[in-house]
Amino acid sequence: MPYCPNCKYEYKDNIEECPDCGAKLVDKLEEETFENVKYVPFRTLPSRLYAEMLKEALENEGIPSIIKGDDVGITYGSYGTTSAVEVSIWVPEKNLERAEQIADQMLDHI
């Protein structure tokens, strides 16, 4: 089955082009590891709660992400909308533009 090299989705054999991004499908995906992907700072958010929500939205679009920074709420099992500690989210550099679009739609109020 063919795969989209950008979106990482698998398609039926008779599909030749990704209907989402237009890329030519390939027979096999290149294996990505953390070591060969350049992650860049993407957003600083007011709390881990927002970071987790954005991370989930990015992953739903096939964009991996890393949350850096923590707040005390994790220790106690509660999340809030603000934190005394900065929380940032990082994405692969190649996905930065698409990640910005997703974040702008989702977090336009912060």
PDB file of N, CA and C in Angstrom:
ATOM      1  N   MET A   1       0.842  -1.183   0.000  1.00  0.00           N
ATOM      2  CA  MET A   1       0.000   0.000   0.000  1.00  0.00           C
ATOM      3  C   MET A   1       0.889   1.249   0.000  1.00  0.00           C
ATOM      4  N   PRO A   2       0.497   2.285  -0.728  1.00  0.00           N
ATOM      5  CA  PRO A   2       1.303   3.507  -0.777  1.00  0.00           C
ATOM      6  C   PRO A   2       1.053   4.418   0.436  1.00  0.00           C
ATOM      7  N   TYR A   3       2.032   5.250   0.690  1.00  0.00           N
ATOM      8  CA  TYR A   3       1.985   6.172   1.825  1.00  0.00           C
ATOM      9  C   TYR A   3       2.302   7.584   1.350  1.00  0.00           C
ATOM     10  N   CYS A   4       1.762   8.561   2.072  1.00  0.00           N
ATOM     11  CA  CYS A   4       2.142   9.946   1.813  1.00  0.00           C
ATOM     12  C   CYS A   4       3.416  10.238   2.608  1.00  0.00           C
ATOM     13  N   PRO A   5       4.469  10.727   1.946  1.00  0.00           N
ATOM     14  CA  PRO A   5       5.717  11.014   2.665  1.00  0.00           C
ATOM     15  C   PRO A   5       5.598  12.203   3.614  1.00  0.00           C
ATOM     16  N   ASN A   6       4.591  13.066   3.422  1.00  0.00           N
ATOM     17  CA  ASN A   6       4.402  14.224   4.294  1.00  0.00           C
ATOM     18  C   ASN A   6       3.446  13.930   5.437  1.00  0.00           C
ATOM     19  N   CYS A   7       2.258  13.452   5.093  1.00  0.00           N
ATOM     20  CA  CYS A   7       1.203  13.235   6.090  1.00  0.00           C
ATOM     21  C   CYS A   7       1.349  11.908   6.835  1.00  0.00           C
ATOM     22  N   LYS A   8       2.071  10.976   6.240  1.00  0.00           N
ATOM     23  CA  LYS A   8       2.326   9.641   6.806  1.00  0.00           C
ATOM     24  C   LYS A   8       1.096   8.744   6.783  1.00  0.00           C
ATOM     25  N   TYR A   9       0.081   9.088   5.989  1.00  0.00           N
ATOM     26  CA  TYR A   9      -1.125   8.259   5.903  1.00  0.00           C
ATOM     27  C   TYR A   9      -0.934   7.174   4.851  1.00  0.00           C
ATOM     28  N   GLU A  10      -1.626   6.067   5.059  1.00  0.00           N
ATOM     29  CA  GLU A  10      -1.591   4.954   4.126  1.00  0.00           C
ATOM     30  C   GLU A  10      -2.844   5.023   3.243  1.00  0.00           C
ATOM     31  N   TYR A  11      -2.679   4.735   1.946  1.00  0.00           N
ATOM     32  CA  TYR A  11      -3.798   4.814   1.009  1.00  0.00           C
ATOM     33  C   TYR A  11      -3.961   3.505   0.246  1.00  0.00           C
ATOM     34  N   LYS A  12      -5.099   3.348  -0.415  1.00  0.00           N
ATOM     35  CA  LYS A  12      -5.363   2.175  -1.248  1.00  0.00           C
ATOM     36  C   LYS A  12      -4.411   2.179  -2.432  1.00  0.00           C
ATOM     37  N   ASP A  13      -4.173   0.991  -2.986  1.00  0.00           N
ATOM     38  CA  ASP A  13      -3.197   0.835  -4.067  1.00  0.00           C
ATOM     39  C   ASP A  13      -3.474   1.695  -5.294  1.00  0.00           C
ATOM     40  N   ASN A  14      -4.706   2.002  -5.581  1.00  0.00           N
ATOM     41  CA  ASN A  14      -5.010   2.754  -6.807  1.00  0.00           C
ATOM     42  C   ASN A  14      -4.836   4.269  -6.648  1.00  0.00           C
ATOM     43  N   ILE A  15      -4.492   4.745  -5.460  1.00  0.00           N
ATOM     44  CA  ILE A  15      -4.264   6.174  -5.219  1.00  0.00           C
ATOM     45  C   ILE A  15      -2.785   6.471  -5.467  1.00  0.00           C
ATOM     46  N   GLU A  16      -2.509   7.539  -6.233  1.00  0.00           N
ATOM     47  CA  GLU A  16      -1.121   7.884  -6.553  1.00  0.00           C
ATOM     48  C   GLU A  16      -0.671   9.193  -5.931  1.00  0.00           C
ATOM     49  N   GLU A  17      -1.634  10.037  -5.528  1.00  0.00           N
ATOM     50  CA  GLU A  17      -1.320  11.355  -4.984  1.00  0.00           C
ATOM     51  C   GLU A  17      -2.111  11.567  -3.702  1.00  0.00           C
ATOM     52  N   CYS A  18      -1.495  12.176  -2.712  1.00  0.00           N
ATOM     53  CA  CYS A  18      -2.156  12.432  -1.435  1.00  0.00           C
ATOM     54  C   CYS A  18      -3.291  13.441  -1.633  1.00  0.00           C
ATOM     55  N   PRO A  19      -4.507  13.077  -1.245  1.00  0.00           N
ATOM     56  CA  PRO A  19      -5.613  14.017  -1.404  1.00  0.00           C
ATOM     57  C   PRO A  19      -5.534  15.209  -0.446  1.00  0.00           C
ATOM     58  N   ASP A  20      -4.728  15.113   0.615  1.00  0.00           N
ATOM     59  CA  ASP A  20      -4.607  16.210   1.573  1.00  0.00           C
ATOM     60  C   ASP A  20      -3.557  17.239   1.165  1.00  0.00           C
ATOM     61  N   CYS A  21      -2.357  16.758   0.811  1.00  0.00           N
ATOM     62  CA  CYS A  21      -1.273  17.719   0.536  1.00  0.00           C
ATOM     63  C   CYS A  21      -0.792  17.700  -0.914  1.00  0.00           C
ATOM     64  N   GLY A  22      -1.253  16.733  -1.708  1.00  0.00           N
ATOM     65  CA  GLY A  22      -0.872  16.684  -3.118  1.00  0.00           C
ATOM     66  C   GLY A  22       0.445  16.001  -3.420  1.00  0.00           C
ATOM     67  N   ALA A  23       1.115  15.468  -2.410  1.00  0.00           N
ATOM     68  CA  ALA A  23       2.411  14.816  -2.626  1.00  0.00           C
ATOM     69  C   ALA A  23       2.240  13.492  -3.356  1.00  0.00           C
ATOM     70  N   LYS A  24       3.238  13.115  -4.136  1.00  0.00           N
ATOM     71  CA  LYS A  24       3.253  11.816  -4.805  1.00  0.00           C
ATOM     72  C   LYS A  24       3.488  10.751  -3.732  1.00  0.00           C
ATOM     73  N   LEU A  25       2.657   9.706  -3.741  1.00  0.00           N
ATOM     74  CA  LEU A  25       2.764   8.660  -2.728  1.00  0.00           C
ATOM     75  C   LEU A  25       3.977   7.775  -2.986  1.00  0.00           C
ATOM     76  N   VAL A  26       4.495   7.187  -1.910  1.00  0.00           N
ATOM     77  CA  VAL A  26       5.668   6.310  -1.982  1.00  0.00           C
ATOM     78  C   VAL A  26       5.307   4.934  -1.440  1.00  0.00           C
ATOM     79  N   ASP A  27       6.104   3.928  -1.808  1.00  0.00           N
ATOM     80  CA  ASP A  27       5.836   2.557  -1.370  1.00  0.00           C
ATOM     81  C   ASP A  27       6.193   2.328   0.089  1.00  0.00           C
ATOM     82  N   LYS A  28       7.181   3.089   0.574  1.00  0.00           N
ATOM     83  CA  LYS A  28       7.664   2.880   1.943  1.00  0.00           C
ATOM     84  C   LYS A  28       8.040   4.230   2.541  1.00  0.00           C
ATOM     85  N   LEU A  29       7.705   4.411   3.805  1.00  0.00           N
ATOM     86  CA  LEU A  29       8.077   5.642   4.498  1.00  0.00           C
ATOM     87  C   LEU A  29       9.500   5.542   5.025  1.00  0.00           C
ATOM     88  N   GLU A  30      10.215   6.654   4.956  1.00  0.00           N
ATOM     89  CA  GLU A  30      11.533   6.696   5.585  1.00  0.00           C
ATOM     90  C   GLU A  30      11.337   6.692   7.087  1.00  0.00           C
ATOM     91  N   GLU A  31      12.168   5.954   7.761  1.00  0.00           N
ATOM     92  CA  GLU A  31      12.064   5.889   9.211  1.00  0.00           C
ATOM     93  C   GLU A  31      12.655   7.152   9.820  1.00  0.00           C
ATOM     94  N   GLU A  32      11.853   7.814  10.645  1.00  0.00           N
ATOM     95  CA  GLU A  32      12.337   9.006  11.333  1.00  0.00           C
ATOM     96  C   GLU A  32      12.664   8.651  12.769  1.00  0.00           C
ATOM     97  N   THR A  33      13.767   9.141  13.223  1.00  0.00           N
ATOM     98  CA  THR A  33      14.116   8.974  14.625  1.00  0.00           C
ATOM     99  C   THR A  33      14.334  10.360  15.206  1.00  0.00           C
ATOM    100  N   PHE A  34      14.301  10.430  16.487  1.00  0.00           N
ATOM    101  CA  PHE A  34      14.499  11.711  17.154  1.00  0.00           C
ATOM    102  C   PHE A  34      15.850  12.315  16.786  1.00  0.00           C
ATOM    103  N   GLU A  35      16.841  11.452  16.578  1.00  0.00           N
ATOM    104  CA  GLU A  35      18.194  11.932  16.319  1.00  0.00           C
ATOM    105  C   GLU A  35      18.320  12.635  14.964  1.00  0.00           C
ATOM    106  N   ASN A  36      17.531  12.222  13.965  1.00  0.00           N
ATOM    107  CA  ASN A  36      17.715  12.828  12.650  1.00  0.00           C
ATOM    108  C   ASN A  36      16.618  13.838  12.290  1.00  0.00           C
ATOM    109  N   VAL A  37      15.855  14.276  13.274  1.00  0.00           N
ATOM    110  CA  VAL A  37      14.825  15.289  13.060  1.00  0.00           C
ATOM    111  C   VAL A  37      15.201  16.527  13.868  1.00  0.00           C
ATOM    112  N   LYS A  38      15.235  17.669  13.205  1.00  0.00           N
ATOM    113  CA  LYS A  38      15.566  18.911  13.903  1.00  0.00           C
ATOM    114  C   LYS A  38      14.290  19.531  14.467  1.00  0.00           C
ATOM    115  N   TYR A  39      14.172  19.521  15.791  1.00  0.00           N
ATOM    116  CA  TYR A  39      13.034  20.151  16.462  1.00  0.00           C
ATOM    117  C   TYR A  39      13.375  21.605  16.755  1.00  0.00           C
ATOM    118  N   VAL A  40      12.380  22.469  16.577  1.00  0.00           N
ATOM    119  CA  VAL A  40      12.569  23.900  16.822  1.00  0.00           C
ATOM    120  C   VAL A  40      11.490  24.392  17.780  1.00  0.00           C
ATOM    121  N   PRO A  41      11.785  25.454  18.553  1.00  0.00           N
ATOM    122  CA  PRO A  41      10.761  26.007  19.438  1.00  0.00           C
ATOM    123  C   PRO A  41       9.600  26.535  18.604  1.00  0.00           C
ATOM    124  N   PHE A  42       8.401  26.254  19.046  1.00  0.00           N
ATOM    125  CA  PHE A  42       7.220  26.583  18.274  1.00  0.00           C
ATOM    126  C   PHE A  42       6.333  27.604  18.992  1.00  0.00           C
ATOM    127  N   ARG A  43       5.909  27.291  20.188  1.00  0.00           N
ATOM    128  CA  ARG A  43       5.033  28.186  20.945  1.00  0.00           C
ATOM    129  C   ARG A  43       5.367  28.121  22.423  1.00  0.00           C
ATOM    130  N   THR A  44       5.221  29.249  23.105  1.00  0.00           N
ATOM    131  CA  THR A  44       5.249  29.283  24.560  1.00  0.00           C
ATOM    132  C   THR A  44       3.804  29.467  24.985  1.00  0.00           C
ATOM    133  N   LEU A  45       3.368  28.640  25.906  1.00  0.00           N
ATOM    134  CA  LEU A  45       1.964  28.633  26.311  1.00  0.00           C
ATOM    135  C   LEU A  45       1.833  28.915  27.794  1.00  0.00           C
ATOM    136  N   PRO A  46       0.659  29.417  28.215  1.00  0.00           N
ATOM    137  CA  PRO A  46       0.490  29.790  29.618  1.00  0.00           C
ATOM    138  C   PRO A  46       0.420  28.614  30.583  1.00  0.00           C
ATOM    139  N   SER A  47       0.214  27.392  30.072  1.00  0.00           N
ATOM    140  CA  SER A  47       0.174  26.238  30.978  1.00  0.00           C
ATOM    141  C   SER A  47       0.346  24.943  30.207  1.00  0.00           C
ATOM    142  N   ARG A  48       0.583  23.893  30.937  1.00  0.00           N
ATOM    143  CA  ARG A  48       0.714  22.569  30.338  1.00  0.00           C
ATOM    144  C   ARG A  48      -0.616  22.120  29.730  1.00  0.00           C
ATOM    145  N   LEU A  49      -1.721  22.539  30.290  1.00  0.00           N
ATOM    146  CA  LEU A  49      -3.028  22.179  29.754  1.00  0.00           C
ATOM    147  C   LEU A  49      -3.135  22.606  28.283  1.00  0.00           C
ATOM    148  N   TYR A  50      -2.788  23.848  27.983  1.00  0.00           N
ATOM    149  CA  TYR A  50      -2.814  24.317  26.603  1.00  0.00           C
ATOM    150  C   TYR A  50      -1.814  23.544  25.743  1.00  0.00           C
ATOM    151  N   ALA A  51      -0.652  23.264  26.295  1.00  0.00           N
ATOM    152  CA  ALA A  51       0.364  22.520  25.551  1.00  0.00           C
ATOM    153  C   ALA A  51      -0.130  21.120  25.196  1.00  0.00           C
ATOM    154  N   GLU A  52      -0.778  20.451  26.131  1.00  0.00           N
ATOM    155  CA  GLU A  52      -1.309  19.106  25.877  1.00  0.00           C
ATOM    156  C   GLU A  52      -2.411  19.143  24.818  1.00  0.00           C
ATOM    157  N   MET A  53      -3.260  20.161  24.875  1.00  0.00           N
ATOM    158  CA  MET A  53      -4.331  20.288  23.882  1.00  0.00           C
ATOM    159  C   MET A  53      -3.748  20.510  22.483  1.00  0.00           C
ATOM    160  N   LEU A  54      -2.743  21.374  22.393  1.00  0.00           N
ATOM    161  CA  LEU A  54      -2.114  21.643  21.106  1.00  0.00           C
ATOM    162  C   LEU A  54      -1.357  20.419  20.605  1.00  0.00           C
ATOM    163  N   LYS A  55      -0.670  19.737  21.500  1.00  0.00           N
ATOM    164  CA  LYS A  55       0.062  18.523  21.131  1.00  0.00           C
ATOM    165  C   LYS A  55      -0.885  17.497  20.513  1.00  0.00           C
ATOM    166  N   GLU A  56      -2.045  17.313  21.111  1.00  0.00           N
ATOM    167  CA  GLU A  56      -3.016  16.355  20.586  1.00  0.00           C
ATOM    168  C   GLU A  56      -3.509  16.778  19.195  1.00  0.00           C
ATOM    169  N   ALA A  57      -3.791  18.063  19.017  1.00  0.00           N
ATOM    170  CA  ALA A  57      -4.244  18.552  17.711  1.00  0.00           C
ATOM    171  C   ALA A  57      -3.159  18.355  16.648  1.00  0.00           C
ATOM    172  N   LEU A  58      -1.909  18.614  17.015  1.00  0.00           N
ATOM    173  CA  LEU A  58      -0.808  18.424  16.075  1.00  0.00           C
ATOM    174  C   LEU A  58      -0.654  16.953  15.711  1.00  0.00           C
ATOM    175  N   GLU A  59      -0.720  16.077  16.706  1.00  0.00           N
ATOM    176  CA  GLU A  59      -0.579  14.646  16.449  1.00  0.00           C
ATOM    177  C   GLU A  59      -1.713  14.133  15.566  1.00  0.00           C
ATOM    178  N   ASN A  60      -2.911  14.690  15.714  1.00  0.00           N
ATOM    179  CA  ASN A  60      -4.032  14.300  14.849  1.00  0.00           C
ATOM    180  C   ASN A  60      -3.763  14.653  13.394  1.00  0.00           C
ATOM    181  N   GLU A  61      -2.870  15.604  13.164  1.00  0.00           N
ATOM    182  CA  GLU A  61      -2.484  16.016  11.812  1.00  0.00           C
ATOM    183  C   GLU A  61      -1.159  15.382  11.391  1.00  0.00           C
ATOM    184  N   GLY A  62      -0.656  14.449  12.207  1.00  0.00           N
ATOM    185  CA  GLY A  62       0.582  13.752  11.869  1.00  0.00           C
ATOM    186  C   GLY A  62       1.845  14.521  12.190  1.00  0.00           C
ATOM    187  N   ILE A  63       1.741  15.529  13.058  1.00  0.00           N
ATOM    188  CA  ILE A  63       2.909  16.334  13.420  1.00  0.00           C
ATOM    189  C   ILE A  63       3.345  15.968  14.835  1.00  0.00           C
ATOM    190  N   PRO A  64       4.529  15.376  14.993  1.00  0.00           N
ATOM    191  CA  PRO A  64       5.001  15.067  16.339  1.00  0.00           C
ATOM    192  C   PRO A  64       5.411  16.348  17.059  1.00  0.00           C
ATOM    193  N   SER A  65       5.384  16.311  18.368  1.00  0.00           N
ATOM    194  CA  SER A  65       5.795  17.491  19.129  1.00  0.00           C
ATOM    195  C   SER A  65       6.351  17.067  20.483  1.00  0.00           C
ATOM    196  N   ILE A  66       7.080  17.983  21.081  1.00  0.00           N
ATOM    197  CA  ILE A  66       7.675  17.761  22.402  1.00  0.00           C
ATOM    198  C   ILE A  66       7.276  18.928  23.291  1.00  0.00           C
ATOM    199  N   ILE A  67       6.822  18.626  24.486  1.00  0.00           N
ATOM    200  CA  ILE A  67       6.501  19.663  25.459  1.00  0.00           C
ATOM    201  C   ILE A  67       7.696  19.803  26.387  1.00  0.00           C
ATOM    202  N   LYS A  68       8.167  21.038  26.541  1.00  0.00           N
ATOM    203  CA  LYS A  68       9.287  21.304  27.440  1.00  0.00           C
ATOM    204  C   LYS A  68       8.813  22.241  28.533  1.00  0.00           C
ATOM    205  N   GLY A  69       9.261  21.967  29.736  1.00  0.00           N
ATOM    206  CA  GLY A  69       8.853  22.763  30.881  1.00  0.00           C
ATOM    207  C   GLY A  69       7.703  22.070  31.574  1.00  0.00           C
ATOM    208  N   ASP A  70       7.603  22.287  32.810  1.00  0.00           N
ATOM    209  CA  ASP A  70       6.561  21.642  33.584  1.00  0.00           C
ATOM    210  C   ASP A  70       6.049  22.609  34.614  1.00  0.00           C
ATOM    211  N   ASP A  71       4.918  22.268  35.152  1.00  0.00           N
ATOM    212  CA  ASP A  71       4.449  23.067  36.258  1.00  0.00           C
ATOM    213  C   ASP A  71       4.081  22.162  37.413  1.00  0.00           C
ATOM    214  N   VAL A  72       3.845  22.730  38.518  1.00  0.00           N
ATOM    215  CA  VAL A  72       3.591  21.964  39.727  1.00  0.00           C
ATOM    216  C   VAL A  72       2.278  21.193  39.638  1.00  0.00           C
ATOM    217  N   GLY A  73       1.377  21.623  38.763  1.00  0.00           N
ATOM    218  CA  GLY A  73       0.093  20.953  38.623  1.00  0.00           C
ATOM    219  C   GLY A  73       0.235  19.500  38.230  1.00  0.00           C
ATOM    220  N   ILE A  74       1.254  19.166  37.478  1.00  0.00           N
ATOM    221  CA  ILE A  74       1.452  17.776  37.070  1.00  0.00           C
ATOM    222  C   ILE A  74       1.720  16.910  38.287  1.00  0.00           C
ATOM    223  N   THR A  75       2.523  17.418  39.182  1.00  0.00           N
ATOM    224  CA  THR A  75       2.855  16.669  40.389  1.00  0.00           C
ATOM    225  C   THR A  75       1.611  16.313  41.181  1.00  0.00           C
ATOM    226  N   TYR A  76       0.672  17.222  41.215  1.00  0.00           N
ATOM    227  CA  TYR A  76      -0.537  17.002  41.995  1.00  0.00           C
ATOM    228  C   TYR A  76      -1.706  16.482  41.163  1.00  0.00           C
ATOM    229  N   GLY A  77      -1.456  16.219  39.886  1.00  0.00           N
ATOM    230  CA  GLY A  77      -2.490  15.651  39.038  1.00  0.00           C
ATOM    231  C   GLY A  77      -3.580  16.615  38.615  1.00  0.00           C
ATOM    232  N   SER A  78      -3.303  17.902  38.671  1.00  0.00           N
ATOM    233  CA  SER A  78      -4.320  18.860  38.218  1.00  0.00           C
ATOM    234  C   SER A  78      -3.698  19.794  37.192  1.00  0.00           C
ATOM    235  N   TYR A  79      -4.508  20.196  36.269  1.00  0.00           N
ATOM    236  CA  TYR A  79      -4.065  21.122  35.247  1.00  0.00           C
ATOM    237  C   TYR A  79      -4.881  22.387  35.354  1.00  0.00           C
ATOM    238  N   GLY A  80      -4.244  23.497  35.121  1.00  0.00           N
ATOM    239  CA  GLY A  80      -4.946  24.773  35.122  1.00  0.00           C
ATOM    240  C   GLY A  80      -4.641  25.513  33.837  1.00  0.00           C
ATOM    241  N   THR A  81      -5.231  26.666  33.678  1.00  0.00           N
ATOM    242  CA  THR A  81      -5.013  27.434  32.460  1.00  0.00           C
ATOM    243  C   THR A  81      -3.858  28.417  32.578  1.00  0.00           C
ATOM    244  N   THR A  82      -3.273  28.510  33.769  1.00  0.00           N
ATOM    245  CA  THR A  82      -2.082  29.342  33.936  1.00  0.00           C
ATOM    246  C   THR A  82      -1.062  28.590  34.777  1.00  0.00           C
ATOM    247  N   SER A  83       0.186  28.982  34.635  1.00  0.00           N
ATOM    248  CA  SER A  83       1.264  28.319  35.364  1.00  0.00           C
ATOM    249  C   SER A  83       2.346  29.339  35.673  1.00  0.00           C
ATOM    250  N   ALA A  84       3.031  29.117  36.759  1.00  0.00           N
ATOM    251  CA  ALA A  84       4.144  29.999  37.118  1.00  0.00           C
ATOM    252  C   ALA A  84       5.399  29.643  36.320  1.00  0.00           C
ATOM    253  N   VAL A  85       5.405  28.456  35.733  1.00  0.00           N
ATOM    254  CA  VAL A  85       6.562  27.971  34.983  1.00  0.00           C
ATOM    255  C   VAL A  85       6.237  27.985  33.490  1.00  0.00           C
ATOM    256  N   GLU A  86       7.165  28.484  32.689  1.00  0.00           N
ATOM    257  CA  GLU A  86       6.958  28.544  31.243  1.00  0.00           C
ATOM    258  C   GLU A  86       6.871  27.143  30.646  1.00  0.00           C
ATOM    259  N   VAL A  87       5.915  26.944  29.773  1.00  0.00           N
ATOM    260  CA  VAL A  87       5.736  25.673  29.073  1.00  0.00           C
ATOM    261  C   VAL A  87       5.841  25.960  27.581  1.00  0.00           C
ATOM    262  N   SER A  88       6.706  25.241  26.891  1.00  0.00           N
ATOM    263  CA  SER A  88       6.852  25.466  25.452  1.00  0.00           C
ATOM    264  C   SER A  88       6.647  24.158  24.705  1.00  0.00           C
ATOM    265  N   ILE A  89       6.307  24.297  23.450  1.00  0.00           N
ATOM    266  CA  ILE A  89       6.115  23.131  22.607  1.00  0.00           C
ATOM    267  C   ILE A  89       7.030  23.275  21.394  1.00  0.00           C
ATOM    268  N   TRP A  90       7.670  22.173  21.025  1.00  0.00           N
ATOM    269  CA  TRP A  90       8.627  22.144  19.923  1.00  0.00           C
ATOM    270  C   TRP A  90       8.107  21.177  18.869  1.00  0.00           C
ATOM    271  N   VAL A  91       8.362  21.496  17.595  1.00  0.00           N
ATOM    272  CA  VAL A  91       7.944  20.648  16.484  1.00  0.00           C
ATOM    273  C   VAL A  91       9.113  20.481  15.515  1.00  0.00           C
ATOM    274  N   PRO A  92       9.053  19.459  14.660  1.00  0.00           N
ATOM    275  CA  PRO A  92      10.088  19.347  13.638  1.00  0.00           C
ATOM    276  C   PRO A  92      10.068  20.588  12.748  1.00  0.00           C
ATOM    277  N   GLU A  93      11.236  21.070  12.404  1.00  0.00           N
ATOM    278  CA  GLU A  93      11.352  22.291  11.611  1.00  0.00           C
ATOM    279  C   GLU A  93      10.545  22.210  10.319  1.00  0.00           C
ATOM    280  N   LYS A  94      10.523  21.036   9.695  1.00  0.00           N
ATOM    281  CA  LYS A  94       9.810  20.886   8.423  1.00  0.00           C
ATOM    282  C   LYS A  94       8.293  21.028   8.581  1.00  0.00           C
ATOM    283  N   ASN A  95       7.771  20.896   9.803  1.00  0.00           N
ATOM    284  CA  ASN A  95       6.332  20.997  10.054  1.00  0.00           C
ATOM    285  C   ASN A  95       5.920  22.330  10.664  1.00  0.00           C
ATOM    286  N   LEU A  96       6.851  23.253  10.791  1.00  0.00           N
ATOM    287  CA  LEU A  96       6.599  24.496  11.509  1.00  0.00           C
ATOM    288  C   LEU A  96       5.446  25.313  10.902  1.00  0.00           C
ATOM    289  N   GLU A  97       5.434  25.457   9.601  1.00  0.00           N
ATOM    290  CA  GLU A  97       4.395  26.279   8.964  1.00  0.00           C
ATOM    291  C   GLU A  97       2.999  25.687   9.190  1.00  0.00           C
ATOM    292  N   ARG A  98       2.853  24.389   9.000  1.00  0.00           N
ATOM    293  CA  ARG A  98       1.540  23.749   9.202  1.00  0.00           C
ATOM    294  C   ARG A  98       1.148  23.804  10.679  1.00  0.00           C
ATOM    295  N   ALA A  99       2.103  23.631  11.573  1.00  0.00           N
ATOM    296  CA  ALA A  99       1.826  23.701  13.008  1.00  0.00           C
ATOM    297  C   ALA A  99       1.317  25.092  13.380  1.00  0.00           C
ATOM    298  N   GLU A 100       1.882  26.125  12.777  1.00  0.00           N
ATOM    299  CA  GLU A 100       1.431  27.504  13.030  1.00  0.00           C
ATOM    300  C   GLU A 100      -0.028  27.677  12.623  1.00  0.00           C
ATOM    301  N   GLN A 101      -0.400  27.119  11.492  1.00  0.00           N
ATOM    302  CA  GLN A 101      -1.783  27.222  11.018  1.00  0.00           C
ATOM    303  C   GLN A 101      -2.745  26.561  12.012  1.00  0.00           C
ATOM    304  N   ILE A 102      -2.376  25.386  12.474  1.00  0.00           N
ATOM    305  CA  ILE A 102      -3.217  24.651  13.419  1.00  0.00           C
ATOM    306  C   ILE A 102      -3.351  25.426  14.723  1.00  0.00           C
ATOM    307  N   ALA A 103      -2.230  25.919  15.232  1.00  0.00           N
ATOM    308  CA  ALA A 103      -2.242  26.662  16.484  1.00  0.00           C
ATOM    309  C   ALA A 103      -3.044  27.953  16.373  1.00  0.00           C
ATOM    310  N   ASP A 104      -2.912  28.647  15.246  1.00  0.00           N
ATOM    311  CA  ASP A 104      -3.655  29.892  15.060  1.00  0.00           C
ATOM    312  C   ASP A 104      -5.168  29.652  15.079  1.00  0.00           C
ATOM    313  N   GLN A 105      -5.598  28.568  14.465  1.00  0.00           N
ATOM    314  CA  GLN A 105      -7.029  28.232  14.461  1.00  0.00           C
ATOM    315  C   GLN A 105      -7.521  27.856  15.858  1.00  0.00           C
ATOM    316  N   MET A 106      -6.680  27.175  16.585  1.00  0.00           N
ATOM    317  CA  MET A 106      -7.082  26.614  17.864  1.00  0.00           C
ATOM    318  C   MET A 106      -6.910  27.585  19.036  1.00  0.00           C
ATOM    319  N   LEU A 107      -5.836  28.358  19.005  1.00  0.00           N
ATOM    320  CA  LEU A 107      -5.478  29.180  20.162  1.00  0.00           C
ATOM    321  C   LEU A 107      -5.452  30.677  19.836  1.00  0.00           C
ATOM    322  N   ASP A 108      -6.345  31.128  18.996  1.00  0.00           N
ATOM    323  CA  ASP A 108      -6.325  32.526  18.599  1.00  0.00           C
ATOM    324  C   ASP A 108      -6.604  33.491  19.749  1.00  0.00           C
ATOM    325  N   HIS A 109      -7.122  32.975  20.849  1.00  0.00           N
ATOM    326  CA  HIS A 109      -7.444  33.829  22.008  1.00  0.00           C
ATOM    327  C   HIS A 109      -6.288  33.989  22.984  1.00  0.00           C
ATOM    328  N   ILE A 110      -5.159  33.269  22.792  1.00  0.00           N
ATOM    329  CA  ILE A 110      -4.024  33.430  23.703  1.00  0.00           C
ATOM    330  C   ILE A 110      -2.833  34.009  22.989  1.00  0.00           C
TER     331      ILE A 110
END
